[in-house]
N, C-alpha and C. Protein backbone atom coordinates (compact mmCIF):
# COMPACT_ATOMS: atom_id res chain seq x y z
N UNK A 1 81.07 -6.02 13.65
CA UNK A 1 82.13 -6.25 12.68
C UNK A 1 81.61 -7.08 11.49
N UNK A 2 80.90 -8.19 11.81
CA UNK A 2 80.37 -9.04 10.75
C UNK A 2 79.38 -8.27 9.89
N UNK A 3 78.54 -7.46 10.53
CA UNK A 3 77.53 -6.71 9.79
C UNK A 3 78.18 -5.70 8.84
N UNK A 4 79.24 -5.02 9.29
CA UNK A 4 79.89 -4.04 8.43
C UNK A 4 80.60 -4.73 7.27
N UNK A 5 81.14 -5.94 7.49
CA UNK A 5 81.79 -6.67 6.41
C UNK A 5 80.75 -7.09 5.36
N UNK A 6 79.60 -7.56 5.85
CA UNK A 6 78.53 -7.95 4.94
C UNK A 6 78.05 -6.75 4.12
N UNK A 7 77.84 -5.63 4.78
CA UNK A 7 77.41 -4.42 4.09
C UNK A 7 78.45 -3.98 3.06
N UNK A 8 79.72 -4.03 3.42
CA UNK A 8 80.78 -3.66 2.48
C UNK A 8 80.80 -4.60 1.27
N UNK A 9 80.61 -5.90 1.52
CA UNK A 9 80.60 -6.88 0.45
C UNK A 9 79.43 -6.65 -0.50
N UNK A 10 78.26 -6.40 0.07
CA UNK A 10 77.08 -6.15 -0.76
C UNK A 10 77.23 -4.86 -1.57
N UNK A 11 77.76 -3.83 -0.94
CA UNK A 11 77.98 -2.55 -1.64
C UNK A 11 78.96 -2.73 -2.78
N UNK A 12 80.05 -3.45 -2.51
CA UNK A 12 81.05 -3.69 -3.57
C UNK A 12 80.44 -4.48 -4.72
N UNK A 13 79.61 -5.47 -4.40
CA UNK A 13 78.97 -6.27 -5.44
C UNK A 13 78.05 -5.44 -6.32
N UNK A 14 77.27 -4.60 -5.71
CA UNK A 14 76.35 -3.75 -6.49
C UNK A 14 77.13 -2.75 -7.33
N UNK A 15 78.21 -2.20 -6.78
CA UNK A 15 79.03 -1.26 -7.55
C UNK A 15 79.66 -1.96 -8.75
N UNK A 16 80.18 -3.17 -8.55
CA UNK A 16 80.76 -3.92 -9.66
C UNK A 16 79.72 -4.20 -10.74
N UNK A 17 78.53 -4.49 -10.30
CA UNK A 17 77.47 -4.81 -11.26
C UNK A 17 77.04 -3.60 -12.08
N UNK A 18 77.15 -2.41 -11.53
CA UNK A 18 76.68 -1.23 -12.24
C UNK A 18 77.77 -0.52 -13.03
N UNK A 19 79.03 -0.90 -12.85
CA UNK A 19 80.11 -0.26 -13.60
C UNK A 19 79.90 -0.27 -15.11
N UNK A 20 79.46 -1.39 -15.70
CA UNK A 20 79.28 -1.40 -17.15
C UNK A 20 78.26 -0.39 -17.64
N UNK A 21 77.36 0.03 -16.79
CA UNK A 21 76.35 1.00 -17.22
C UNK A 21 76.97 2.31 -17.68
N UNK A 22 78.05 2.67 -17.05
CA UNK A 22 78.66 3.96 -17.35
C UNK A 22 79.57 3.92 -18.56
N UNK A 23 80.08 2.73 -18.90
CA UNK A 23 81.06 2.67 -19.97
C UNK A 23 80.65 1.78 -21.13
N UNK A 24 79.55 1.08 -21.01
CA UNK A 24 79.22 0.09 -22.02
C UNK A 24 77.91 0.43 -22.73
N UNK A 25 77.27 -0.64 -23.15
CA UNK A 25 76.07 -0.53 -23.95
C UNK A 25 74.83 -0.30 -23.07
N UNK A 26 73.73 0.01 -23.71
CA UNK A 26 72.48 0.27 -23.02
C UNK A 26 71.80 -1.04 -22.63
N UNK A 27 71.28 -1.10 -21.43
CA UNK A 27 70.56 -2.28 -20.96
C UNK A 27 69.25 -2.45 -21.74
N UNK A 28 68.90 -3.72 -22.01
CA UNK A 28 67.65 -4.01 -22.70
C UNK A 28 66.66 -4.76 -21.82
N UNK A 29 67.12 -5.23 -20.67
CA UNK A 29 66.26 -6.03 -19.79
C UNK A 29 66.27 -5.47 -18.38
N UNK A 30 65.21 -5.73 -17.62
CA UNK A 30 65.23 -5.34 -16.21
C UNK A 30 66.28 -6.16 -15.47
N UNK A 31 66.74 -5.64 -14.36
CA UNK A 31 67.78 -6.31 -13.57
C UNK A 31 67.29 -6.55 -12.16
N UNK A 32 67.87 -7.55 -11.53
CA UNK A 32 67.48 -7.89 -10.17
C UNK A 32 68.70 -8.28 -9.36
N UNK A 33 68.66 -7.96 -8.08
CA UNK A 33 69.66 -8.40 -7.12
C UNK A 33 68.95 -9.30 -6.13
N UNK A 34 69.43 -10.53 -6.02
CA UNK A 34 68.87 -11.44 -5.04
C UNK A 34 69.97 -11.79 -4.05
N UNK A 35 69.62 -11.91 -2.79
CA UNK A 35 70.60 -12.34 -1.81
C UNK A 35 69.90 -13.17 -0.75
N UNK A 36 70.66 -14.06 -0.18
CA UNK A 36 70.12 -14.95 0.83
C UNK A 36 71.24 -15.27 1.81
N UNK A 37 70.88 -15.36 3.06
CA UNK A 37 71.83 -15.78 4.08
C UNK A 37 71.74 -17.30 4.17
N UNK A 38 72.83 -17.96 3.79
CA UNK A 38 72.91 -19.41 3.82
C UNK A 38 73.95 -19.79 4.87
N UNK A 39 73.55 -20.56 5.86
CA UNK A 39 74.44 -20.97 6.95
C UNK A 39 75.17 -19.77 7.54
N UNK A 40 74.44 -18.66 7.68
CA UNK A 40 74.98 -17.46 8.33
C UNK A 40 75.79 -16.54 7.43
N UNK A 41 75.95 -16.86 6.15
CA UNK A 41 76.75 -16.04 5.22
C UNK A 41 75.91 -15.60 4.03
N UNK A 42 76.18 -14.40 3.54
CA UNK A 42 75.40 -13.84 2.44
C UNK A 42 75.94 -14.36 1.10
N UNK A 43 75.00 -14.82 0.26
CA UNK A 43 75.28 -15.19 -1.13
C UNK A 43 74.36 -14.32 -1.98
N UNK A 44 74.93 -13.57 -2.92
CA UNK A 44 74.16 -12.61 -3.71
C UNK A 44 74.41 -12.84 -5.20
N UNK A 45 73.35 -12.64 -6.00
CA UNK A 45 73.45 -12.72 -7.46
C UNK A 45 72.81 -11.46 -8.04
N UNK A 46 73.50 -10.81 -8.97
CA UNK A 46 73.00 -9.63 -9.67
C UNK A 46 72.95 -10.01 -11.15
N UNK A 47 71.75 -9.90 -11.77
CA UNK A 47 71.63 -10.40 -13.14
C UNK A 47 70.54 -9.66 -13.91
N UNK A 48 70.66 -9.71 -15.24
CA UNK A 48 69.65 -9.18 -16.14
C UNK A 48 68.60 -10.25 -16.38
N UNK A 49 67.32 -9.83 -16.50
CA UNK A 49 66.21 -10.77 -16.60
C UNK A 49 65.49 -10.64 -17.94
N UNK A 50 66.04 -11.23 -18.99
CA UNK A 50 65.35 -11.14 -20.29
C UNK A 50 64.04 -11.91 -20.28
N UNK A 51 63.17 -11.53 -21.20
CA UNK A 51 61.87 -12.18 -21.40
C UNK A 51 61.95 -13.15 -22.57
N UNK A 52 60.97 -14.04 -22.64
CA UNK A 52 60.90 -14.91 -23.81
C UNK A 52 60.50 -14.10 -25.04
N UNK A 53 59.81 -12.98 -24.83
CA UNK A 53 59.42 -12.13 -25.96
C UNK A 53 60.57 -11.20 -26.36
N UNK A 54 60.74 -11.02 -27.65
CA UNK A 54 61.76 -10.12 -28.18
C UNK A 54 61.46 -8.69 -27.72
N UNK A 55 62.46 -7.98 -27.14
CA UNK A 55 62.20 -6.63 -26.64
C UNK A 55 61.91 -5.62 -27.75
N UNK A 56 62.31 -5.92 -28.98
CA UNK A 56 62.08 -4.99 -30.09
C UNK A 56 60.76 -5.24 -30.81
N UNK A 57 60.40 -6.52 -30.97
CA UNK A 57 59.21 -6.84 -31.76
C UNK A 57 58.04 -7.36 -30.92
N UNK A 58 58.32 -7.86 -29.72
CA UNK A 58 57.28 -8.44 -28.88
C UNK A 58 56.91 -9.86 -29.26
N UNK A 59 57.60 -10.41 -30.27
CA UNK A 59 57.31 -11.78 -30.70
C UNK A 59 57.93 -12.79 -29.75
N UNK A 60 57.24 -13.91 -29.57
CA UNK A 60 57.74 -14.99 -28.71
C UNK A 60 58.99 -15.59 -29.34
N UNK A 61 59.95 -15.95 -28.48
CA UNK A 61 61.20 -16.56 -28.94
C UNK A 61 61.35 -17.93 -28.29
N UNK A 62 61.92 -18.86 -29.03
CA UNK A 62 62.31 -20.14 -28.44
C UNK A 62 63.64 -19.87 -27.75
N UNK A 63 63.75 -20.28 -26.50
CA UNK A 63 64.94 -19.95 -25.71
C UNK A 63 66.04 -20.99 -25.89
N UNK A 64 65.85 -22.18 -25.31
CA UNK A 64 66.91 -23.19 -25.29
C UNK A 64 67.09 -23.81 -26.67
N UNK A 65 68.32 -23.73 -27.17
CA UNK A 65 68.65 -24.26 -28.49
C UNK A 65 68.47 -23.26 -29.61
N UNK A 66 67.95 -22.07 -29.31
CA UNK A 66 67.75 -21.04 -30.33
C UNK A 66 68.38 -19.73 -29.85
N UNK A 67 67.64 -18.95 -29.05
CA UNK A 67 68.21 -17.71 -28.51
C UNK A 67 69.46 -18.03 -27.68
N UNK A 68 69.38 -19.09 -26.89
CA UNK A 68 70.52 -19.59 -26.13
C UNK A 68 70.95 -20.89 -26.80
N UNK A 69 71.96 -20.81 -27.69
CA UNK A 69 72.34 -21.99 -28.46
C UNK A 69 73.03 -23.05 -27.61
N UNK A 70 72.80 -24.30 -27.96
CA UNK A 70 73.48 -25.39 -27.29
C UNK A 70 74.95 -25.41 -27.69
N UNK A 71 75.81 -25.80 -26.75
CA UNK A 71 77.23 -25.96 -27.04
C UNK A 71 78.03 -24.67 -27.09
N UNK A 72 77.42 -23.53 -26.74
CA UNK A 72 78.14 -22.25 -26.74
C UNK A 72 77.95 -21.58 -25.39
N UNK A 73 79.01 -20.92 -24.92
CA UNK A 73 78.95 -20.21 -23.65
C UNK A 73 77.93 -19.08 -23.76
N UNK A 74 77.05 -19.00 -22.78
CA UNK A 74 76.00 -17.98 -22.72
C UNK A 74 76.21 -17.12 -21.49
N UNK A 75 75.91 -15.85 -21.59
CA UNK A 75 76.16 -14.89 -20.51
C UNK A 75 75.30 -15.10 -19.27
N UNK A 76 74.36 -16.01 -19.29
CA UNK A 76 73.47 -16.32 -18.17
C UNK A 76 72.74 -15.08 -17.69
N UNK A 77 71.97 -14.52 -18.58
CA UNK A 77 71.20 -13.33 -18.28
C UNK A 77 71.26 -12.38 -19.45
N UNK A 78 71.09 -11.11 -19.16
CA UNK A 78 71.11 -10.09 -20.20
C UNK A 78 72.07 -8.99 -19.80
N UNK A 79 72.54 -8.28 -20.81
CA UNK A 79 73.37 -7.09 -20.62
C UNK A 79 74.73 -7.46 -20.00
N UNK A 80 75.13 -6.82 -18.89
CA UNK A 80 76.43 -7.13 -18.31
C UNK A 80 76.43 -8.55 -17.72
N UNK A 81 77.63 -9.08 -17.50
CA UNK A 81 77.76 -10.44 -16.99
C UNK A 81 77.09 -10.57 -15.63
N UNK A 82 76.44 -11.70 -15.42
CA UNK A 82 75.81 -12.01 -14.14
C UNK A 82 76.89 -12.09 -13.07
N UNK A 83 76.59 -11.50 -11.92
CA UNK A 83 77.57 -11.38 -10.84
C UNK A 83 77.16 -12.25 -9.65
N UNK A 84 78.09 -13.05 -9.17
CA UNK A 84 77.93 -13.81 -7.93
C UNK A 84 78.86 -13.19 -6.91
N UNK A 85 78.32 -12.82 -5.74
CA UNK A 85 79.14 -12.29 -4.65
C UNK A 85 78.88 -13.17 -3.44
N UNK A 86 79.95 -13.64 -2.82
CA UNK A 86 79.80 -14.49 -1.65
C UNK A 86 80.68 -14.01 -0.51
N UNK A 87 80.09 -13.99 0.66
CA UNK A 87 80.77 -13.52 1.87
C UNK A 87 81.75 -14.57 2.41
N UNK A 88 81.51 -15.82 2.09
CA UNK A 88 82.34 -16.92 2.57
C UNK A 88 82.67 -17.84 1.41
N UNK A 89 83.70 -18.66 1.53
CA UNK A 89 83.97 -19.63 0.47
C UNK A 89 82.79 -20.58 0.30
N UNK A 90 82.53 -20.94 -0.96
CA UNK A 90 81.47 -21.90 -1.29
C UNK A 90 82.11 -23.11 -1.95
N UNK A 91 81.46 -24.25 -1.84
CA UNK A 91 81.93 -25.43 -2.55
C UNK A 91 80.82 -25.93 -3.46
N UNK A 92 81.13 -25.98 -4.76
CA UNK A 92 80.22 -26.50 -5.78
C UNK A 92 80.83 -27.79 -6.31
N UNK A 93 80.17 -28.89 -6.12
CA UNK A 93 80.61 -30.18 -6.69
C UNK A 93 82.09 -30.46 -6.45
N UNK A 94 82.56 -30.21 -5.24
CA UNK A 94 83.95 -30.49 -4.89
C UNK A 94 84.93 -29.39 -5.24
N UNK A 95 84.48 -28.31 -5.87
CA UNK A 95 85.35 -27.20 -6.23
C UNK A 95 85.09 -26.03 -5.29
N UNK A 96 86.16 -25.55 -4.63
CA UNK A 96 86.00 -24.43 -3.72
C UNK A 96 86.09 -23.10 -4.47
N UNK A 97 85.14 -22.24 -4.18
CA UNK A 97 85.09 -20.88 -4.73
C UNK A 97 85.33 -19.94 -3.55
N UNK A 98 86.50 -19.27 -3.50
CA UNK A 98 86.80 -18.38 -2.37
C UNK A 98 85.78 -17.25 -2.25
N UNK A 99 85.68 -16.68 -1.06
CA UNK A 99 84.83 -15.51 -0.85
C UNK A 99 85.23 -14.44 -1.86
N UNK A 100 84.26 -13.69 -2.38
CA UNK A 100 84.56 -12.63 -3.34
C UNK A 100 83.49 -12.51 -4.40
N UNK A 101 83.87 -11.91 -5.53
CA UNK A 101 82.94 -11.64 -6.63
C UNK A 101 83.40 -12.38 -7.88
N UNK A 102 82.42 -12.91 -8.62
CA UNK A 102 82.68 -13.71 -9.82
C UNK A 102 81.58 -13.45 -10.84
N UNK A 103 81.89 -13.71 -12.11
CA UNK A 103 80.87 -13.69 -13.16
C UNK A 103 80.40 -15.11 -13.40
N UNK A 104 79.12 -15.24 -13.71
CA UNK A 104 78.54 -16.55 -14.01
C UNK A 104 78.15 -16.62 -15.47
N UNK A 105 78.49 -17.73 -16.08
CA UNK A 105 78.10 -18.04 -17.45
C UNK A 105 77.52 -19.44 -17.44
N UNK A 106 76.94 -19.83 -18.56
CA UNK A 106 76.37 -21.17 -18.67
C UNK A 106 76.75 -21.76 -20.01
N UNK A 107 77.00 -23.05 -20.02
CA UNK A 107 77.25 -23.78 -21.25
C UNK A 107 76.12 -24.81 -21.39
N UNK A 108 75.02 -24.41 -22.08
CA UNK A 108 73.87 -25.33 -22.22
C UNK A 108 74.18 -26.47 -23.17
N UNK A 109 73.60 -27.61 -22.88
CA UNK A 109 73.78 -28.79 -23.71
C UNK A 109 72.42 -29.41 -23.97
N UNK A 110 72.19 -29.83 -25.19
CA UNK A 110 70.90 -30.39 -25.57
C UNK A 110 70.53 -31.63 -24.76
N UNK A 111 71.53 -32.39 -24.33
CA UNK A 111 71.26 -33.62 -23.57
C UNK A 111 70.90 -33.31 -22.12
N UNK A 112 71.07 -32.05 -21.69
CA UNK A 112 70.73 -31.68 -20.32
C UNK A 112 71.93 -31.59 -19.40
N UNK A 113 73.10 -32.03 -19.85
CA UNK A 113 74.30 -31.98 -19.00
C UNK A 113 74.99 -30.62 -19.13
N UNK A 114 74.27 -29.59 -18.81
CA UNK A 114 74.78 -28.23 -18.93
C UNK A 114 75.76 -27.92 -17.79
N UNK A 115 76.56 -26.87 -18.00
CA UNK A 115 77.57 -26.47 -17.02
C UNK A 115 77.33 -25.04 -16.57
N UNK A 116 77.57 -24.80 -15.28
CA UNK A 116 77.66 -23.46 -14.73
C UNK A 116 79.13 -23.11 -14.75
N UNK A 117 79.46 -21.95 -15.32
CA UNK A 117 80.85 -21.50 -15.38
C UNK A 117 81.02 -20.36 -14.38
N UNK A 118 81.98 -20.52 -13.48
CA UNK A 118 82.30 -19.49 -12.50
C UNK A 118 83.62 -18.88 -12.95
N UNK A 119 83.56 -17.59 -13.30
CA UNK A 119 84.67 -16.90 -13.94
C UNK A 119 85.19 -15.79 -13.04
N UNK A 120 86.52 -15.64 -12.96
CA UNK A 120 87.14 -14.67 -12.05
C UNK A 120 87.04 -13.23 -12.52
N UNK A 121 86.75 -12.99 -13.80
CA UNK A 121 86.66 -11.64 -14.34
C UNK A 121 85.29 -11.05 -13.99
N UNK A 122 85.25 -9.82 -13.50
CA UNK A 122 83.98 -9.16 -13.16
C UNK A 122 83.93 -7.76 -13.77
N UNK A 123 82.72 -7.24 -13.90
CA UNK A 123 82.53 -5.87 -14.38
C UNK A 123 82.45 -5.72 -15.87
N UNK A 124 82.47 -6.81 -16.63
CA UNK A 124 82.45 -6.73 -18.09
C UNK A 124 81.05 -6.89 -18.64
N UNK A 125 80.86 -6.45 -19.87
CA UNK A 125 79.62 -6.70 -20.58
C UNK A 125 79.51 -8.20 -20.76
N UNK A 126 78.31 -8.74 -20.72
CA UNK A 126 78.10 -10.18 -20.69
C UNK A 126 78.67 -10.97 -21.84
N UNK A 127 78.83 -10.34 -23.00
CA UNK A 127 79.37 -11.08 -24.14
C UNK A 127 80.90 -11.09 -24.14
N UNK A 128 81.53 -10.39 -23.19
CA UNK A 128 82.99 -10.41 -23.07
C UNK A 128 83.34 -11.56 -22.14
N UNK A 129 83.87 -12.64 -22.72
CA UNK A 129 84.14 -13.84 -21.94
C UNK A 129 85.55 -14.32 -22.24
N UNK A 130 86.32 -14.58 -21.19
CA UNK A 130 87.68 -15.07 -21.32
C UNK A 130 87.78 -16.40 -20.59
N UNK A 131 87.83 -17.48 -21.34
CA UNK A 131 87.88 -18.82 -20.77
C UNK A 131 89.07 -19.00 -19.83
N UNK A 132 90.16 -18.28 -20.07
CA UNK A 132 91.34 -18.40 -19.21
C UNK A 132 91.06 -17.92 -17.78
N UNK A 133 89.98 -17.15 -17.61
CA UNK A 133 89.61 -16.64 -16.29
C UNK A 133 88.64 -17.57 -15.55
N UNK A 134 88.32 -18.72 -16.14
CA UNK A 134 87.40 -19.66 -15.48
C UNK A 134 88.03 -20.20 -14.21
N UNK A 135 87.28 -20.14 -13.14
CA UNK A 135 87.68 -20.76 -11.88
C UNK A 135 87.16 -22.19 -11.84
N UNK A 136 85.93 -22.39 -12.34
CA UNK A 136 85.33 -23.72 -12.29
C UNK A 136 84.22 -23.85 -13.31
N UNK A 137 83.97 -25.08 -13.70
CA UNK A 137 82.81 -25.47 -14.49
C UNK A 137 82.17 -26.63 -13.75
N UNK A 138 80.93 -26.43 -13.34
CA UNK A 138 80.25 -27.46 -12.55
C UNK A 138 78.96 -27.89 -13.24
N UNK A 139 78.60 -29.15 -13.05
CA UNK A 139 77.40 -29.70 -13.67
C UNK A 139 76.14 -29.10 -13.08
N UNK A 140 75.20 -28.80 -13.94
CA UNK A 140 73.87 -28.35 -13.55
C UNK A 140 72.90 -29.51 -13.75
N UNK A 141 71.96 -29.66 -12.85
CA UNK A 141 70.90 -30.65 -12.99
C UNK A 141 69.71 -29.98 -13.68
N UNK A 142 69.25 -30.60 -14.76
CA UNK A 142 68.14 -30.03 -15.52
C UNK A 142 66.82 -30.66 -15.08
N UNK A 143 65.80 -29.82 -15.01
CA UNK A 143 64.45 -30.28 -14.71
C UNK A 143 63.47 -29.49 -15.55
N UNK A 144 62.20 -29.79 -15.39
CA UNK A 144 61.17 -29.05 -16.13
C UNK A 144 60.24 -28.38 -15.13
N UNK A 145 59.51 -27.39 -15.62
CA UNK A 145 58.54 -26.68 -14.79
C UNK A 145 57.14 -26.95 -15.34
N UNK A 146 56.15 -26.86 -14.48
CA UNK A 146 54.77 -27.15 -14.88
C UNK A 146 54.21 -26.11 -15.84
N UNK A 147 54.50 -24.84 -15.59
CA UNK A 147 54.03 -23.79 -16.50
C UNK A 147 55.21 -22.95 -16.93
N UNK A 148 55.15 -22.48 -18.16
CA UNK A 148 56.27 -21.73 -18.73
C UNK A 148 56.57 -20.47 -17.92
N UNK A 149 57.86 -20.17 -17.82
CA UNK A 149 58.34 -18.99 -17.11
C UNK A 149 58.77 -17.98 -18.16
N UNK A 150 58.08 -16.84 -18.23
CA UNK A 150 58.30 -15.85 -19.28
C UNK A 150 59.61 -15.08 -19.11
N UNK A 151 60.06 -14.92 -17.89
CA UNK A 151 61.25 -14.10 -17.63
C UNK A 151 62.29 -14.93 -16.88
N UNK A 152 63.54 -14.85 -17.34
CA UNK A 152 64.63 -15.56 -16.67
C UNK A 152 64.59 -15.25 -15.18
N UNK A 153 64.65 -16.29 -14.38
CA UNK A 153 64.60 -16.13 -12.93
C UNK A 153 65.71 -16.95 -12.29
N UNK A 154 66.47 -16.30 -11.43
CA UNK A 154 67.50 -17.00 -10.67
C UNK A 154 67.13 -16.92 -9.19
N UNK A 155 67.53 -17.94 -8.46
CA UNK A 155 67.22 -17.97 -7.03
C UNK A 155 68.38 -18.59 -6.27
N UNK A 156 68.61 -18.10 -5.07
CA UNK A 156 69.51 -18.72 -4.12
C UNK A 156 68.59 -19.26 -3.03
N UNK A 157 68.54 -20.59 -2.92
CA UNK A 157 67.63 -21.23 -1.99
C UNK A 157 68.40 -21.96 -0.90
N UNK A 158 67.77 -22.13 0.25
CA UNK A 158 68.37 -22.92 1.32
C UNK A 158 68.30 -24.39 0.93
N UNK A 159 69.35 -25.14 1.28
CA UNK A 159 69.35 -26.57 1.04
C UNK A 159 68.42 -27.28 2.02
N UNK A 160 68.23 -28.56 1.82
CA UNK A 160 67.32 -29.32 2.68
C UNK A 160 67.78 -29.32 4.14
N UNK A 161 69.07 -29.50 4.37
CA UNK A 161 69.59 -29.49 5.73
C UNK A 161 70.59 -28.36 5.94
N UNK A 162 71.61 -28.32 5.10
CA UNK A 162 72.60 -27.24 5.16
C UNK A 162 72.91 -26.82 3.73
N UNK A 163 73.71 -25.78 3.61
CA UNK A 163 74.09 -25.32 2.28
C UNK A 163 72.93 -24.70 1.53
N UNK A 164 73.11 -24.60 0.23
CA UNK A 164 72.10 -23.96 -0.58
C UNK A 164 72.05 -24.54 -1.98
N UNK A 165 71.19 -23.95 -2.79
CA UNK A 165 71.02 -24.35 -4.19
C UNK A 165 70.92 -23.08 -5.02
N UNK A 166 71.69 -23.02 -6.09
CA UNK A 166 71.55 -21.95 -7.08
C UNK A 166 70.64 -22.50 -8.17
N UNK A 167 69.53 -21.79 -8.45
CA UNK A 167 68.54 -22.27 -9.42
C UNK A 167 68.34 -21.24 -10.53
N UNK A 168 68.27 -21.73 -11.76
CA UNK A 168 68.05 -20.92 -12.96
C UNK A 168 66.80 -21.47 -13.64
N UNK A 169 65.79 -20.63 -13.86
CA UNK A 169 64.55 -21.09 -14.47
C UNK A 169 64.16 -20.14 -15.59
N UNK A 170 63.82 -20.72 -16.75
CA UNK A 170 63.36 -19.92 -17.88
C UNK A 170 62.66 -20.82 -18.87
N UNK A 171 61.64 -20.30 -19.49
CA UNK A 171 60.82 -21.03 -20.46
C UNK A 171 60.27 -22.26 -19.74
N UNK A 172 60.58 -23.45 -20.19
CA UNK A 172 60.03 -24.66 -19.57
C UNK A 172 61.08 -25.48 -18.83
N UNK A 173 62.25 -24.90 -18.59
CA UNK A 173 63.36 -25.63 -17.96
C UNK A 173 63.86 -24.95 -16.69
N UNK A 174 64.38 -25.77 -15.81
CA UNK A 174 65.06 -25.27 -14.63
C UNK A 174 66.39 -26.02 -14.51
N UNK A 175 67.40 -25.31 -14.08
CA UNK A 175 68.74 -25.88 -13.89
C UNK A 175 69.16 -25.53 -12.47
N UNK A 176 69.81 -26.46 -11.80
CA UNK A 176 70.21 -26.19 -10.42
C UNK A 176 71.53 -26.85 -10.09
N UNK A 177 72.19 -26.29 -9.07
CA UNK A 177 73.42 -26.87 -8.54
C UNK A 177 73.46 -26.59 -7.04
N UNK A 178 73.69 -27.61 -6.23
CA UNK A 178 73.82 -27.38 -4.81
C UNK A 178 75.21 -26.85 -4.46
N UNK A 179 75.29 -26.17 -3.32
CA UNK A 179 76.59 -25.71 -2.82
C UNK A 179 76.59 -25.77 -1.31
N UNK A 180 77.78 -25.79 -0.75
CA UNK A 180 77.93 -25.71 0.70
C UNK A 180 78.74 -24.48 1.03
N UNK A 181 78.50 -23.94 2.21
CA UNK A 181 79.25 -22.79 2.71
C UNK A 181 80.39 -23.34 3.56
N UNK A 182 81.61 -22.98 3.21
CA UNK A 182 82.78 -23.44 3.96
C UNK A 182 82.98 -22.55 5.17
N UNK A 183 83.38 -23.14 6.24
CA UNK A 183 83.61 -22.38 7.50
C UNK A 183 85.04 -21.91 7.57
């Protein structure tokens, strides 16, 4: 029973992520689906992976503060909105996110106090954002990486003891937020 529910959830998540392909604009970046079993429950992210290089000219781009402007909501990836699918309720910084599918956005800040936005609307092109659909805005912890990361990379990692960490890495920065799986 649990396995069929997990399979149904993953299938629904992938279908939601690909809906914009049929009705929207053409993708410009490769896409990836990552999933991890955290405390026995599946957490999945489907997202577009843009490069630091411009896809049209091949020229290097400055990411934070330029391509991704500070103080403005960013689609957190490329093309359609990044999708978070969770088999169980998650808790981010005291905010419960029920099991289901959500879009993820980011509000970068030059001081490093950026926010992860968890939005209830799914299946839209990434630039279609409705703040009224926000379920939560949670603080991201900013860090740096030793060597530059050319392509946006997201990860769902196991926590040190329980729970997990959602990590976003691109260019010379990494942003993360821990979460717990609610029983």
